[in-house]
C-alpha atoms as a PDB file:
ATOM      1  CA  UNK A   1     -14.434  -7.986   6.398  1.00  0.00           C
ATOM      2  CA  UNK A   2     -16.426 -10.853   4.883  1.00  0.00           C
ATOM      3  CA  UNK A   3     -18.691  -9.044   2.419  1.00  0.00           C
ATOM      4  CA  UNK A   4     -20.801 -12.131   1.710  1.00  0.00           C
ATOM      5  CA  UNK A   5     -21.355 -12.714   5.426  1.00  0.00           C
ATOM      6  CA  UNK A   6     -22.316  -9.058   5.929  1.00  0.00           C
ATOM      7  CA  UNK A   7     -24.743  -9.080   3.004  1.00  0.00           C
ATOM      8  CA  UNK A   8     -26.233 -12.389   4.128  1.00  0.00           C
ATOM      9  CA  UNK A   9     -26.869 -10.987   7.619  1.00  0.00           C
ATOM     10  CA  UNK A  10     -28.344  -7.762   6.232  1.00  0.00           C
ATOM     11  CA  UNK A  11     -30.686  -9.604   3.872  1.00  0.00           C
ATOM     12  CA  UNK A  12     -31.766 -12.087   6.555  1.00  0.00           C
ATOM     13  CA  UNK A  13     -32.596  -9.335   9.057  1.00  0.00           C
ATOM     14  CA  UNK A  14     -34.341  -7.280   6.373  1.00  0.00           C
ATOM     15  CA  UNK A  15     -36.442 -10.254   5.278  1.00  0.00           C
ATOM     16  CA  UNK A  16     -37.429 -10.988   8.874  1.00  0.00           C
ATOM     17  CA  UNK A  17     -38.422  -7.345   9.377  1.00  0.00           C
ATOM     18  CA  UNK A  18     -40.736  -7.898   6.367  1.00  0.00           C
ATOM     19  CA  UNK A  19     -41.440  -4.217   5.607  1.00  0.00           C
ATOM     20  CA  UNK A  20     -43.484  -4.949   2.484  1.00  0.00           C
ATOM     21  CA  UNK A  21     -45.678  -7.419   4.315  1.00  0.00           C
ATOM     22  CA  UNK A  22     -46.117  -4.965   7.176  1.00  0.00           C
ATOM     23  CA  UNK A  23     -47.331  -2.084   4.979  1.00  0.00           C
ATOM     24  CA  UNK A  24     -51.058  -3.014   5.106  1.00  0.00           C
ATOM     25  CA  UNK A  25     -50.846  -3.696   8.865  1.00  0.00           C
ATOM     26  CA  UNK A  26     -49.072  -0.417   9.578  1.00  0.00           C
ATOM     27  CA  UNK A  27     -51.593   1.512   7.501  1.00  0.00           C
ATOM     28  CA  UNK A  28     -54.398  -0.131   9.472  1.00  0.00           C
ATOM     29  CA  UNK A  29     -52.765   0.647  12.819  1.00  0.00           C
ATOM     30  CA  UNK A  30     -52.194   4.302  11.883  1.00  0.00           C
ATOM     31  CA  UNK A  31     -55.254   5.032   9.737  1.00  0.00           C
ATOM     32  CA  UNK A  32     -56.507   7.565  12.304  1.00  0.00           C
ATOM     33  CA  UNK A  33     -53.234   9.529  12.212  1.00  0.00           C
ATOM     34  CA  UNK A  34     -52.061  12.352   9.992  1.00  0.00           C
ATOM     35  CA  UNK A  35     -49.089  11.831   7.659  1.00  0.00           C
ATOM     36  CA  UNK A  36     -46.742  13.554  10.110  1.00  0.00           C
ATOM     37  CA  UNK A  37     -47.980  11.493  13.036  1.00  0.00           C
ATOM     38  CA  UNK A  38     -47.662   8.268  11.030  1.00  0.00           C
ATOM     39  CA  UNK A  39     -44.058   9.073  10.098  1.00  0.00           C
ATOM     40  CA  UNK A  40     -43.255   9.821  13.742  1.00  0.00           C
ATOM     41  CA  UNK A  41     -44.739   6.524  14.936  1.00  0.00           C
ATOM     42  CA  UNK A  42     -42.989   4.495  12.218  1.00  0.00           C
ATOM     43  CA  UNK A  43     -39.675   6.214  12.976  1.00  0.00           C
ATOM     44  CA  UNK A  44     -40.018   5.496  16.697  1.00  0.00           C
ATOM     45  CA  UNK A  45     -41.001   1.884  15.993  1.00  0.00           C
ATOM     46  CA  UNK A  46     -37.966   1.416  13.741  1.00  0.00           C
ATOM     47  CA  UNK A  47     -35.579   2.905  16.312  1.00  0.00           C
ATOM     48  CA  UNK A  48     -36.979   0.727  19.110  1.00  0.00           C
ATOM     49  CA  UNK A  49     -36.820  -2.378  16.894  1.00  0.00           C
ATOM     50  CA  UNK A  50     -33.194  -1.610  16.023  1.00  0.00           C
ATOM     51  CA  UNK A  51     -32.301  -1.233  19.703  1.00  0.00           C
ATOM     52  CA  UNK A  52     -33.997  -4.532  20.543  1.00  0.00           C
ATOM     53  CA  UNK A  53     -32.066  -6.377  17.843  1.00  0.00           C
ATOM     54  CA  UNK A  54     -28.750  -4.787  18.823  1.00  0.00           C
ATOM     55  CA  UNK A  55     -29.295  -5.770  22.475  1.00  0.00           C
ATOM     56  CA  UNK A  56     -30.051  -9.355  21.438  1.00  0.00           C
ATOM     57  CA  UNK A  57     -26.968  -9.377  19.226  1.00  0.00           C
ATOM     58  CA  UNK A  58     -24.736  -8.169  22.070  1.00  0.00           C
ATOM     59  CA  UNK A  59     -26.013 -10.268  24.972  1.00  0.00           C
ATOM     60  CA  UNK A  60     -27.811 -13.095  23.214  1.00  0.00           C
ATOM     61  CA  UNK A  61     -24.901 -15.534  23.516  1.00  0.00           C
ATOM     62  CA  UNK A  62     -24.468 -14.867  27.224  1.00  0.00           C
ATOM     63  CA  UNK A  63     -28.173 -15.439  27.725  1.00  0.00           C
ATOM     64  CA  UNK A  64     -27.974 -18.720  25.800  1.00  0.00           C
ATOM     65  CA  UNK A  65     -24.935 -19.767  27.870  1.00  0.00           C
ATOM     66  CA  UNK A  66     -26.934 -19.283  31.056  1.00  0.00           C
ATOM     67  CA  UNK A  67     -29.579 -21.605  29.614  1.00  0.00           C
ATOM     68  CA  UNK A  68     -26.849 -24.044  28.473  1.00  0.00           C
ATOM     69  CA  UNK A  69     -27.951 -23.796  24.847  1.00  0.00           C
ATOM     70  CA  UNK A  70     -25.218 -24.326  22.240  1.00  0.00           C
ATOM     71  CA  UNK A  71     -24.818 -22.248  19.094  1.00  0.00           C
ATOM     72  CA  UNK A  72     -25.475 -25.334  16.962  1.00  0.00           C
ATOM     73  CA  UNK A  73     -28.757 -25.926  18.756  1.00  0.00           C
ATOM     74  CA  UNK A  74     -29.618 -22.266  18.203  1.00  0.00           C
ATOM     75  CA  UNK A  75     -28.816 -22.576  14.491  1.00  0.00           C
ATOM     76  CA  UNK A  76     -31.025 -25.636  14.105  1.00  0.00           C
ATOM     77  CA  UNK A  77     -33.895 -24.213  16.162  1.00  0.00           C
ATOM     78  CA  UNK A  78     -33.577 -20.830  14.453  1.00  0.00           C
ATOM     79  CA  UNK A  79     -33.510 -22.444  11.026  1.00  0.00           C
ATOM     80  CA  UNK A  80     -36.635 -24.481  11.781  1.00  0.00           C
ATOM     81  CA  UNK A  81     -38.395 -21.374  13.107  1.00  0.00           C
ATOM     82  CA  UNK A  82     -37.471 -19.435   9.977  1.00  0.00           C
ATOM     83  CA  UNK A  83     -38.631 -22.304   7.759  1.00  0.00           C
ATOM     84  CA  UNK A  84     -42.028 -22.214   9.474  1.00  0.00           C
ATOM     85  CA  UNK A  85     -42.217 -18.452   9.021  1.00  0.00           C
ATOM     86  CA  UNK A  86     -41.133 -18.759   5.384  1.00  0.00           C
ATOM     87  CA  UNK A  87     -43.797 -21.426   4.805  1.00  0.00           C
ATOM     88  CA  UNK A  88     -46.459 -19.132   6.265  1.00  0.00           C
ATOM     89  CA  UNK A  89     -45.243 -16.278   4.070  1.00  0.00           C
ATOM     90  CA  UNK A  90     -45.422 -18.487   0.974  1.00  0.00           C
ATOM     91  CA  UNK A  91     -48.854 -19.833   1.883  1.00  0.00           C
ATOM     92  CA  UNK A  92     -50.188 -16.325   2.408  1.00  0.00           C
ATOM     93  CA  UNK A  93     -50.807 -16.796   6.125  1.00  0.00           C
ATOM     94  CA  UNK A  94     -50.018 -14.383   8.933  1.00  0.00           C
ATOM     95  CA  UNK A  95     -46.678 -15.545  10.303  1.00  0.00           C
ATOM     96  CA  UNK A  96     -46.595 -17.180  13.714  1.00  0.00           C
ATOM     97  CA  UNK A  97     -43.720 -14.928  14.742  1.00  0.00           C
ATOM     98  CA  UNK A  98     -45.761 -11.801  14.030  1.00  0.00           C
ATOM     99  CA  UNK A  99     -49.333 -12.625  15.001  1.00  0.00           C
ATOM    100  CA  UNK A 100     -50.905  -9.607  16.609  1.00  0.00           C
ATOM    101  CA  UNK A 101     -54.188  -7.823  16.936  1.00  0.00           C
ATOM    102  CA  UNK A 102     -54.106  -5.398  14.024  1.00  0.00           C
ATOM    103  CA  UNK A 103     -57.246  -3.545  15.140  1.00  0.00           C
ATOM    104  CA  UNK A 104     -56.548   0.179  15.382  1.00  0.00           C
ATOM    105  CA  UNK A 105     -56.188   1.448  18.953  1.00  0.00           C
ATOM    106  CA  UNK A 106     -58.412   4.038  20.507  1.00  0.00           C
ATOM    107  CA  UNK A 107     -57.751   7.516  19.142  1.00  0.00           C
ATOM    108  CA  UNK A 108     -56.797   8.859  22.558  1.00  0.00           C
ATOM    109  CA  UNK A 109     -54.171   6.139  23.108  1.00  0.00           C
ATOM    110  CA  UNK A 110     -50.610   7.430  23.152  1.00  0.00           C
ATOM    111  CA  UNK A 111     -48.899   7.060  19.801  1.00  0.00           C
ATOM    112  CA  UNK A 112     -45.759   5.855  21.556  1.00  0.00           C
ATOM    113  CA  UNK A 113     -47.424   2.711  22.848  1.00  0.00           C
ATOM    114  CA  UNK A 114     -48.556   1.805  19.325  1.00  0.00           C
ATOM    115  CA  UNK A 115     -45.018   2.330  18.047  1.00  0.00           C
ATOM    116  CA  UNK A 116     -43.555  -0.053  20.627  1.00  0.00           C
ATOM    117  CA  UNK A 117     -46.275  -2.725  20.582  1.00  0.00           C
ATOM    118  CA  UNK A 118     -47.189  -4.116  18.147  1.00  0.00           C
ATOM    119  CA  UNK A 119     -45.175  -2.141  15.577  1.00  0.00           C
ATOM    120  CA  UNK A 120     -41.606  -2.353  16.931  1.00  0.00           C
ATOM    121  CA  UNK A 121     -42.189  -5.795  18.379  1.00  0.00           C
ATOM    122  CA  UNK A 122     -43.373  -8.271  17.290  1.00  0.00           C
ATOM    123  CA  UNK A 123     -43.951  -6.814  13.792  1.00  0.00           C
ATOM    124  CA  UNK A 124     -40.435  -5.537  12.984  1.00  0.00           C
ATOM    125  CA  UNK A 125     -38.284  -7.176  15.662  1.00  0.00           C
ATOM    126  CA  UNK A 126     -40.030 -10.495  16.131  1.00  0.00           C
ATOM    127  CA  UNK A 127     -38.646 -13.803  17.443  1.00  0.00           C
ATOM    128  CA  UNK A 128     -37.302 -14.686  13.994  1.00  0.00           C
ATOM    129  CA  UNK A 129     -35.333 -11.439  13.652  1.00  0.00           C
ATOM    130  CA  UNK A 130     -33.974 -11.820  17.188  1.00  0.00           C
ATOM    131  CA  UNK A 131     -32.832 -15.372  16.457  1.00  0.00           C
ATOM    132  CA  UNK A 132     -31.160 -14.326  13.203  1.00  0.00           C
ATOM    133  CA  UNK A 133     -29.183 -11.528  14.874  1.00  0.00           C
ATOM    134  CA  UNK A 134     -27.959 -13.824  17.649  1.00  0.00           C
ATOM    135  CA  UNK A 135     -26.905 -16.562  15.219  1.00  0.00           C
ATOM    136  CA  UNK A 136     -25.019 -14.207  12.890  1.00  0.00           C
ATOM    137  CA  UNK A 137     -23.394 -12.362  15.795  1.00  0.00           C
ATOM    138  CA  UNK A 138     -22.117 -15.616  17.273  1.00  0.00           C
ATOM    139  CA  UNK A 139     -20.747 -16.724  13.897  1.00  0.00           C
ATOM    140  CA  UNK A 140     -18.908 -13.431  13.436  1.00  0.00           C
ATOM    141  CA  UNK A 141     -15.219 -13.320  14.347  1.00  0.00           C
ATOM    142  CA  UNK A 142     -13.328 -10.287  15.669  1.00  0.00           C
ATOM    143  CA  UNK A 143     -14.200  -7.021  13.962  1.00  0.00           C
ATOM    144  CA  UNK A 144     -16.842  -8.762  11.874  1.00  0.00           C
ATOM    145  CA  UNK A 145     -19.100  -8.405  14.910  1.00  0.00           C
ATOM    146  CA  UNK A 146     -19.098  -4.651  14.319  1.00  0.00           C
ATOM    147  CA  UNK A 147     -20.300  -5.237  10.783  1.00  0.00           C
ATOM    148  CA  UNK A 148     -23.150  -7.416  12.057  1.00  0.00           C
ATOM    149  CA  UNK A 149     -24.282  -4.445  14.147  1.00  0.00           C
ATOM    150  CA  UNK A 150     -23.947  -2.350  10.992  1.00  0.00           C
ATOM    151  CA  UNK A 151     -26.049  -4.953   9.159  1.00  0.00           C
ATOM    152  CA  UNK A 152     -28.804  -4.513  11.752  1.00  0.00           C
ATOM    153  CA  UNK A 153     -28.709  -0.732  11.339  1.00  0.00           C
ATOM    154  CA  UNK A 154     -28.711  -0.999   7.536  1.00  0.00           C
ATOM    155  CA  UNK A 155     -31.579  -3.521   7.451  1.00  0.00           C
ATOM    156  CA  UNK A 156     -33.689  -1.423   9.819  1.00  0.00           C
ATOM    157  CA  UNK A 157     -32.835   1.754   7.892  1.00  0.00           C
ATOM    158  CA  UNK A 158     -33.979   0.253   4.587  1.00  0.00           C
ATOM    159  CA  UNK A 159     -37.115  -1.078   6.303  1.00  0.00           C
ATOM    160  CA  UNK A 160     -37.793   2.397   7.709  1.00  0.00           C
ATOM    161  CA  UNK A 161     -37.441   3.992   4.268  1.00  0.00           C
ATOM    162  CA  UNK A 162     -40.000   1.538   2.910  1.00  0.00           C
ATOM    163  CA  UNK A 163     -42.430   1.835   5.817  1.00  0.00           C
ATOM    164  CA  UNK A 164     -42.269   5.623   6.099  1.00  0.00           C
ATOM    165  CA  UNK A 165     -43.400   5.735   2.473  1.00  0.00           C
ATOM    166  CA  UNK A 166     -46.077   3.087   3.008  1.00  0.00           C
ATOM    167  CA  UNK A 167     -48.888   5.295   1.659  1.00  0.00           C
ATOM    168  CA  UNK A 168     -47.081   5.810  -1.637  1.00  0.00           C
ATOM    169  CA  UNK A 169     -45.890   2.205  -1.945  1.00  0.00           C
ATOM    170  CA  UNK A 170     -49.314   0.764  -1.157  1.00  0.00           C
ATOM    171  CA  UNK A 171     -50.855   2.976  -3.830  1.00  0.00           C
ATOM    172  CA  UNK A 172     -48.418   1.385  -6.314  1.00  0.00           C
ATOM    173  CA  UNK A 173     -48.364  -2.253  -5.223  1.00  0.00           C
ATOM    174  CA  UNK A 174     -51.800  -2.515  -3.663  1.00  0.00           C
ATOM    175  CA  UNK A 175     -52.633  -5.611  -1.635  1.00  0.00           C
ATOM    176  CA  UNK A 176     -51.734  -8.102  -4.373  1.00  0.00           C
ATOM    177  CA  UNK A 177     -48.355  -6.491  -4.962  1.00  0.00           C
ATOM    178  CA  UNK A 178     -47.382  -6.616  -1.292  1.00  0.00           C
ATOM    179  CA  UNK A 179     -48.404 -10.280  -1.220  1.00  0.00           C
ATOM    180  CA  UNK A 180     -46.145 -11.060  -4.176  1.00  0.00           C
ATOM    181  CA  UNK A 181     -43.196  -9.299  -2.536  1.00  0.00           C
ATOM    182  CA  UNK A 182     -43.860 -11.155   0.707  1.00  0.00           C
ATOM    183  CA  UNK A 183     -43.800 -14.491  -1.149  1.00  0.00           C
ATOM    184  CA  UNK A 184     -40.514 -13.617  -2.859  1.00  0.00           C
ATOM    185  CA  UNK A 185     -38.981 -12.769   0.510  1.00  0.00           C
ATOM    186  CA  UNK A 186     -40.415 -16.030   1.850  1.00  0.00           C
ATOM    187  CA  UNK A 187     -38.437 -17.997  -0.753  1.00  0.00           C
ATOM    188  CA  UNK A 188     -35.250 -16.126   0.171  1.00  0.00           C
ATOM    189  CA  UNK A 189     -35.913 -16.716   3.859  1.00  0.00           C
ATOM    190  CA  UNK A 190     -36.470 -20.451   3.271  1.00  0.00           C
ATOM    191  CA  UNK A 191     -33.076 -20.711   1.567  1.00  0.00           C
ATOM    192  CA  UNK A 192     -31.355 -18.862   4.424  1.00  0.00           C
ATOM    193  CA  UNK A 193     -33.151 -21.067   6.976  1.00  0.00           C
ATOM    194  CA  UNK A 194     -32.031 -24.233   5.175  1.00  0.00           C
ATOM    195  CA  UNK A 195     -28.411 -23.075   5.308  1.00  0.00           C
ATOM    196  CA  UNK A 196     -28.778 -22.396   9.044  1.00  0.00           C
ATOM    197  CA  UNK A 197     -30.128 -25.894   9.692  1.00  0.00           C
ATOM    198  CA  UNK A 198     -27.387 -27.506   7.582  1.00  0.00           C
ATOM    199  CA  UNK A 199     -24.731 -25.488   9.434  1.00  0.00           C
ATOM    200  CA  UNK A 200     -26.164 -26.456  12.825  1.00  0.00           C
ATOM    201  CA  UNK A 201     -26.384 -30.153  11.962  1.00  0.00           C
ATOM    202  CA  UNK A 202     -22.849 -30.140  10.547  1.00  0.00           C
ATOM    203  CA  UNK A 203     -21.517 -28.529  13.721  1.00  0.00           C
ATOM    204  CA  UNK A 204     -23.428 -30.832  16.046  1.00  0.00           C
ATOM    205  CA  UNK A 205     -22.704 -33.964  14.016  1.00  0.00           C
ATOM    206  CA  UNK A 206     -19.312 -33.594  12.254  1.00  0.00           C
ATOM    207  CA  UNK A 207     -19.671 -37.127  10.873  1.00  0.00           C
ATOM    208  CA  UNK A 208     -22.289 -35.773   8.503  1.00  0.00           C
ATOM    209  CA  UNK A 209     -19.494 -33.999   6.631  1.00  0.00           C
ATOM    210  CA  UNK A 210     -17.967 -37.357   5.830  1.00  0.00           C
END
């Protein structure tokens, strides 16, 4: 098992899930719920997001093959997408991959629908997270693919722990604190995105390696 590869995948997926940045949005979406109801909705959203990412990891390559899209093209496109998202995170804007109407739903709306949209997707499992899982899964060899699935589970689990305690964490960090954490994750994401673009260009144009 390549520990560095596993950790890189886990961190990338975790950063794309952006639990700290989602805390204010989740609190807004669930402000009419009790603590128990909020935990139920966040748990359901996390489970659904994990399933979405696992499905994309398992069949993403086959889907790309049907569209005749190479892994190098996916790396480059994914890296550019992540760079845009990282830039938005650093500039304090709402990321393009996660734009959604954060207005709270009607009280009589089923909690399950809120958990799936917008909480599970596009907030947790957005286009960026889907792209990351597909890229890492296609770079994995042999049994390392199992560890990429484990990386998805671990990243979502850590995100769930953070989000399920959003009331407590928000009382500590407040709005400014969550913004700072989001910017730090944006820097990390930008570095990961740059590596993805470099890897894609090197694979597509071997002459660049000299």
